[in-house]
Amino acid sequence: MRSRLRSRVRALYYGHTQSAVRFQGLLLALDLLIIGFFIVNQFIQDLPWFWIVDAAIAVFLAVDLFARLFALGSFKRWLKYPITWVDLIVLATLLFPAFLANWGFLRILRLWSVVQSERFWNVLARGRFDDTQVEDLTKSLVTLVTFIFFAAGLTQALFIGDHPKLNNFVDAIYFVVTSLTTTGYGDITIDTAFGRLFSVALMLTGISLFFSIAQKVFAAPQKVVACSACGLDRHDPDAQFCKLCGDRLSAALRGRARRARGRPPKSRFGEGG
């Protein structure tokens, strides 16, 4: 009975059937609502219903964590997933707000973990964009947005009050964006040695992130097919042989969700299946 229930839960969380996709779509919708709440919570903390929503999210995350642990059936395997660690951190900020109030910005990491998850790409257009340039570009953009909110929260936690104009989360976002883009208007500066090192790290990270996004925007489209010999999975659209080891390539793949449904890969002339 227990093994049957575990198989059912595992199929819902990690399967690719129609019912599994619907269930994962519901979870994804809830994830996106939670992320939206986390983004705006800096501005609505004084509202009377704020703590009710906060508690409801804590219950949802706890149940979701336990369900994934039950589905996998292995504590060590459960801990291997990055989203598990992110959810544990987020849950800690929800359960112990008195001790972790200044670190509530860590909740934005859930945006990054959701977009990195297979659930997101399995549900989005039923796996159409899984293992494509759209996925690569989306992940880069979300990484940038996540980093901006993360760095703004870290700035607020560490340096609030260190400058007369650095007083709230909006000021922190302004400081982070001007530093990331290397604009540096100079109206908000952190003059301590640690603050300057923090600013330098923001600038270097900003250059790296923007360069990574530009690469994906202007890069030539590539087909995704894993070479059976060396494992390289990015090749020119018309490539017949692996550019790393020279082994012959099979037909281009369109993601794990697509393969699991038994749908044929996309051909040169259109979408299969």
Protein backbone atom coordinates (compact mmCIF):
# COMPACT_ATOMS: atom_id res chain seq x y z
CA MET A 1 0.00 0.00 0.00
CA ARG A 2 2.77 2.41 0.98
CA SER A 3 4.87 1.54 -2.07
CA ARG A 4 1.84 2.04 -4.32
CA LEU A 5 1.21 5.47 -2.80
CA ARG A 6 4.90 6.37 -3.22
CA SER A 7 4.77 5.33 -6.88
CA ARG A 8 1.67 7.47 -7.40
CA VAL A 9 3.24 10.53 -5.76
CA ARG A 10 6.48 10.03 -7.71
CA ALA A 11 4.53 9.78 -10.96
CA LEU A 12 2.72 13.04 -10.21
CA TYR A 13 5.90 14.94 -9.30
CA TYR A 14 8.28 13.56 -11.89
CA GLY A 15 6.13 11.90 -14.56
CA HIS A 16 5.13 13.15 -18.00
CA THR A 17 1.57 11.83 -18.31
CA GLN A 18 -1.33 14.22 -18.85
CA SER A 19 -2.41 14.04 -15.20
CA ALA A 20 1.18 14.56 -14.04
CA VAL A 21 1.59 17.62 -16.26
CA ARG A 22 -1.67 19.07 -14.92
CA PHE A 23 -0.52 18.48 -11.33
CA GLN A 24 2.90 20.00 -12.03
CA GLY A 25 1.19 22.94 -13.74
CA LEU A 26 -0.84 23.59 -10.58
CA LEU A 27 2.31 23.47 -8.46
CA LEU A 28 4.07 25.78 -10.90
CA ALA A 29 1.19 28.30 -10.71
CA LEU A 30 1.43 28.23 -6.91
CA ASP A 31 5.21 28.62 -7.12
CA LEU A 32 4.87 31.70 -9.32
CA LEU A 33 2.28 33.23 -6.97
CA ILE A 34 4.60 32.62 -4.02
CA ILE A 35 7.52 34.19 -5.87
CA GLY A 36 5.36 37.23 -6.68
CA PHE A 37 4.47 37.52 -3.00
CA PHE A 38 8.14 37.31 -2.03
CA ILE A 39 9.04 40.06 -4.51
CA VAL A 40 6.44 42.51 -3.15
CA ASN A 41 6.59 41.52 0.54
CA GLN A 42 8.98 44.38 1.30
CA PHE A 43 6.14 46.78 0.53
CA ILE A 44 3.19 45.00 2.21
CA GLN A 45 4.61 43.81 5.53
CA ASP A 46 2.40 46.19 7.50
CA LEU A 47 -0.87 44.87 6.07
CA PRO A 48 -2.98 42.82 8.53
CA TRP A 49 -3.23 39.70 6.32
CA PHE A 50 0.50 39.53 5.54
CA TRP A 51 1.38 37.03 8.28
CA ILE A 52 -1.57 34.80 7.38
CA VAL A 53 -0.26 34.45 3.82
CA ASP A 54 3.26 33.98 5.19
CA ALA A 55 2.08 31.10 7.38
CA ALA A 56 0.10 29.51 4.53
CA ILE A 57 3.19 29.56 2.31
CA ALA A 58 5.22 27.93 5.10
CA VAL A 59 2.65 25.11 5.33
CA PHE A 60 2.65 24.62 1.54
CA LEU A 61 6.45 24.48 1.37
CA ALA A 62 6.63 22.01 4.27
CA VAL A 63 4.06 19.70 2.64
CA ASP A 64 5.77 20.00 -0.75
CA LEU A 65 9.17 19.17 0.77
CA PHE A 66 7.80 16.14 2.60
CA ALA A 67 5.93 14.92 -0.51
CA ARG A 68 9.11 15.08 -2.61
CA LEU A 69 11.04 13.24 0.10
CA PHE A 70 8.33 10.57 0.24
CA ALA A 71 8.26 10.26 -3.56
CA LEU A 72 12.02 9.81 -3.83
CA GLY A 73 12.19 7.43 -0.87
CA SER A 74 15.79 8.42 -0.06
CA PHE A 75 16.94 11.24 2.19
CA LYS A 76 20.36 11.46 0.47
CA ARG A 77 18.78 11.57 -2.98
CA TRP A 78 16.33 14.24 -1.78
CA LEU A 79 19.22 16.43 -0.61
CA LYS A 80 20.91 16.22 -4.01
CA TYR A 81 18.27 18.49 -5.56
CA PRO A 82 19.19 22.24 -5.36
CA ILE A 83 15.50 23.17 -4.99
CA THR A 84 15.43 21.14 -1.74
CA TRP A 85 18.13 23.31 -0.17
CA VAL A 86 16.52 26.50 -1.46
CA ASP A 87 13.12 25.49 -0.04
CA LEU A 88 14.70 24.58 3.32
CA ILE A 89 16.32 28.04 3.49
CA VAL A 90 13.05 29.74 2.51
CA LEU A 91 11.11 27.67 5.03
CA ALA A 92 13.55 28.67 7.78
CA THR A 93 12.97 32.38 7.04
CA LEU A 94 9.20 31.76 7.22
CA LEU A 95 9.27 29.75 10.45
CA PHE A 96 11.73 31.94 12.33
CA PRO A 97 11.07 35.52 11.15
CA ALA A 98 12.17 36.99 14.49
CA PHE A 99 15.67 35.56 14.04
CA LEU A 100 15.97 35.67 10.25
CA ALA A 101 14.03 38.85 9.45
CA ASN A 102 17.03 40.50 7.77
CA TRP A 103 17.59 37.43 5.61
CA GLY A 104 14.11 37.17 4.14
CA PHE A 105 15.56 38.22 0.78
CA LEU A 106 16.90 34.66 0.43
CA ARG A 107 13.35 33.69 -0.58
CA ILE A 108 14.01 35.13 -4.04
CA LEU A 109 16.29 32.13 -4.64
CA ARG A 110 13.09 30.16 -5.21
CA LEU A 111 12.64 32.04 -8.51
CA TRP A 112 15.99 30.71 -9.69
CA SER A 113 15.33 27.16 -8.48
CA VAL A 114 11.86 27.00 -10.10
CA VAL A 115 13.14 28.04 -13.53
CA GLN A 116 16.05 25.60 -13.22
CA SER A 117 13.68 22.73 -12.39
CA GLU A 118 12.50 20.12 -14.88
CA ARG A 119 8.92 20.79 -13.71
CA PHE A 120 8.98 24.30 -15.18
CA TRP A 121 10.14 23.19 -18.64
CA ASN A 122 7.96 20.10 -18.63
CA VAL A 123 4.84 22.20 -18.06
CA LEU A 124 5.78 25.23 -20.15
CA ALA A 125 4.28 24.64 -23.63
CA ARG A 126 4.30 20.90 -22.78
CA GLY A 127 8.09 20.62 -23.07
CA ARG A 128 8.33 22.53 -26.35
CA PHE A 129 11.19 24.74 -25.09
CA ASP A 130 13.02 22.09 -23.07
CA ASP A 131 16.70 21.82 -24.11
CA THR A 132 16.48 24.75 -26.54
CA GLN A 133 18.03 28.20 -26.90
CA VAL A 134 14.86 29.63 -25.32
CA GLU A 135 15.58 27.65 -22.16
CA ASP A 136 19.22 28.78 -22.05
CA LEU A 137 18.31 32.45 -22.54
CA THR A 138 15.44 32.33 -20.03
CA LYS A 139 17.66 30.78 -17.39
CA SER A 140 20.28 33.50 -17.92
CA LEU A 141 17.71 36.30 -17.65
CA VAL A 142 16.17 34.79 -14.52
CA THR A 143 19.63 34.39 -13.00
CA LEU A 144 20.22 38.11 -13.57
CA VAL A 145 16.86 39.12 -12.04
CA THR A 146 17.39 36.79 -9.10
CA PHE A 147 20.86 38.16 -8.50
CA ILE A 148 19.59 41.76 -8.54
CA PHE A 149 16.98 41.04 -5.85
CA PHE A 150 19.42 38.86 -3.90
CA ALA A 151 22.14 41.51 -3.98
CA ALA A 152 19.63 44.24 -3.07
CA GLY A 153 18.49 42.22 -0.06
CA LEU A 154 22.09 41.58 0.96
CA THR A 155 22.83 45.30 0.61
CA GLN A 156 19.84 46.15 2.80
CA ALA A 157 20.85 43.56 5.43
CA LEU A 158 24.50 44.59 5.61
CA PHE A 159 24.69 48.29 4.76
CA ILE A 160 21.35 49.93 5.56
CA GLY A 161 22.06 53.28 7.20
CA ASP A 162 25.70 53.38 6.07
CA HIS A 163 24.74 56.16 3.65
CA PRO A 164 22.08 58.87 4.19
CA LYS A 165 20.32 57.85 0.97
CA LEU A 166 20.43 54.08 1.62
CA ASN A 167 17.33 53.63 3.77
CA ASN A 168 15.09 50.95 2.24
CA PHE A 169 14.81 48.13 -0.28
CA VAL A 170 14.15 50.45 -3.24
CA ASP A 171 17.34 52.37 -2.45
CA ALA A 172 19.19 49.05 -2.28
CA ILE A 173 17.86 47.98 -5.72
CA TYR A 174 18.90 51.36 -7.15
CA PHE A 175 22.42 50.97 -5.73
CA VAL A 176 22.73 47.39 -7.04
CA VAL A 177 21.53 48.23 -10.57
CA THR A 178 23.83 51.24 -10.90
CA SER A 179 26.72 49.09 -9.70
CA LEU A 180 25.87 46.09 -11.92
CA THR A 181 25.63 48.29 -15.01
CA THR A 182 28.81 50.14 -13.92
CA THR A 183 26.87 53.41 -14.29
CA GLY A 184 27.95 54.54 -10.83
CA TYR A 185 26.09 57.83 -10.40
CA GLY A 186 27.87 58.32 -7.08
CA ASP A 187 24.85 59.54 -5.14
CA ILE A 188 24.91 56.35 -3.03
CA THR A 189 28.30 54.94 -2.05
CA ILE A 190 29.48 52.60 0.69
CA ASP A 191 32.77 54.00 1.90
CA THR A 192 33.97 51.19 4.17
CA ALA A 193 36.61 48.76 2.91
CA PHE A 194 34.12 45.89 2.96
CA GLY A 195 31.53 48.05 1.19
CA ARG A 196 33.95 48.91 -1.58
CA LEU A 197 34.89 45.27 -2.07
CA PHE A 198 31.16 44.47 -2.21
CA SER A 199 30.67 47.13 -4.90
CA VAL A 200 33.58 45.77 -6.94
CA ALA A 201 32.09 42.26 -6.73
CA LEU A 202 28.75 43.62 -7.99
CA MET A 203 30.42 45.31 -10.96
CA LEU A 204 32.40 42.22 -11.95
CA THR A 205 29.34 39.99 -11.58
CA GLY A 206 27.22 42.41 -13.61
CA ILE A 207 29.70 42.40 -16.49
CA SER A 208 29.80 38.59 -16.46
CA LEU A 209 26.00 38.21 -16.39
CA PHE A 210 25.37 40.76 -19.15
CA PHE A 211 28.08 39.16 -21.30
CA SER A 212 26.53 35.73 -20.78
CA ILE A 213 23.08 37.02 -21.81
CA ALA A 214 24.51 38.78 -24.88
CA GLN A 215 26.22 35.55 -25.92
CA LYS A 216 22.93 33.65 -25.82
CA VAL A 217 20.97 36.41 -27.59
CA PHE A 218 23.37 36.75 -30.52
CA ALA A 219 24.64 33.18 -30.70
CA ALA A 220 23.70 31.14 -33.74
CA PRO A 221 20.93 28.60 -33.09
CA GLN A 222 22.22 25.18 -32.09
CA LYS A 223 20.63 21.76 -32.09
CA VAL A 224 20.61 19.77 -28.88
CA VAL A 225 21.74 16.19 -29.31
CA ALA A 226 24.10 14.36 -26.98
CA CYS A 227 27.07 12.73 -28.68
CA SER A 228 27.11 9.03 -27.78
CA ALA A 229 30.92 9.06 -27.60
CA CYS A 230 31.89 12.22 -25.65
CA GLY A 231 28.54 13.59 -24.37
CA LEU A 232 28.77 17.06 -25.98
CA ASP A 233 25.18 18.21 -26.51
CA ARG A 234 25.43 21.52 -28.43
CA HIS A 235 26.16 21.43 -32.17
CA ASP A 236 25.64 23.53 -35.31
CA PRO A 237 22.15 23.10 -36.87
CA ASP A 238 23.50 21.26 -39.91
CA ALA A 239 26.19 19.24 -38.09
CA GLN A 240 26.31 15.54 -38.90
CA PHE A 241 29.36 14.77 -36.77
CA CYS A 242 30.43 15.84 -33.30
CA LYS A 243 32.78 18.84 -33.46
CA LEU A 244 34.67 17.57 -30.40
CA CYS A 245 35.32 13.90 -31.14
CA GLY A 246 34.08 13.44 -34.72
CA ASP A 247 31.53 10.73 -33.91
CA ARG A 248 28.34 10.64 -36.01
CA LEU A 249 25.35 12.37 -34.40
CA SER A 250 21.85 10.97 -34.14
CA ALA A 251 18.67 13.01 -34.72
CA ALA A 252 18.28 16.19 -32.63
CA LEU A 253 16.45 15.75 -29.34
CA ARG A 254 13.84 18.10 -27.87
CA GLY A 255 14.08 17.46 -24.15
CA ARG A 256 13.36 14.76 -21.62
CA ALA A 257 9.66 15.60 -21.44
CA ARG A 258 9.31 15.23 -25.20
CA ARG A 259 11.17 11.92 -25.30
CA ALA A 260 9.23 10.53 -22.34
CA ARG A 261 5.95 11.17 -24.17
CA GLY A 262 7.22 9.12 -27.12
CA ARG A 263 6.94 12.07 -29.48
CA PRO A 264 9.39 12.10 -32.41
CA PRO A 265 12.16 14.72 -32.42
CA LYS A 266 11.85 17.90 -34.39
CA SER A 267 12.94 17.45 -38.00
CA ARG A 268 14.66 19.99 -40.20
CA PHE A 269 11.34 20.80 -41.85
CA GLY A 270 9.01 21.21 -38.87
CA GLU A 271 7.71 19.92 -35.60
CA GLY A 272 7.19 16.22 -35.35
CA GLY A 273 4.33 14.57 -33.47
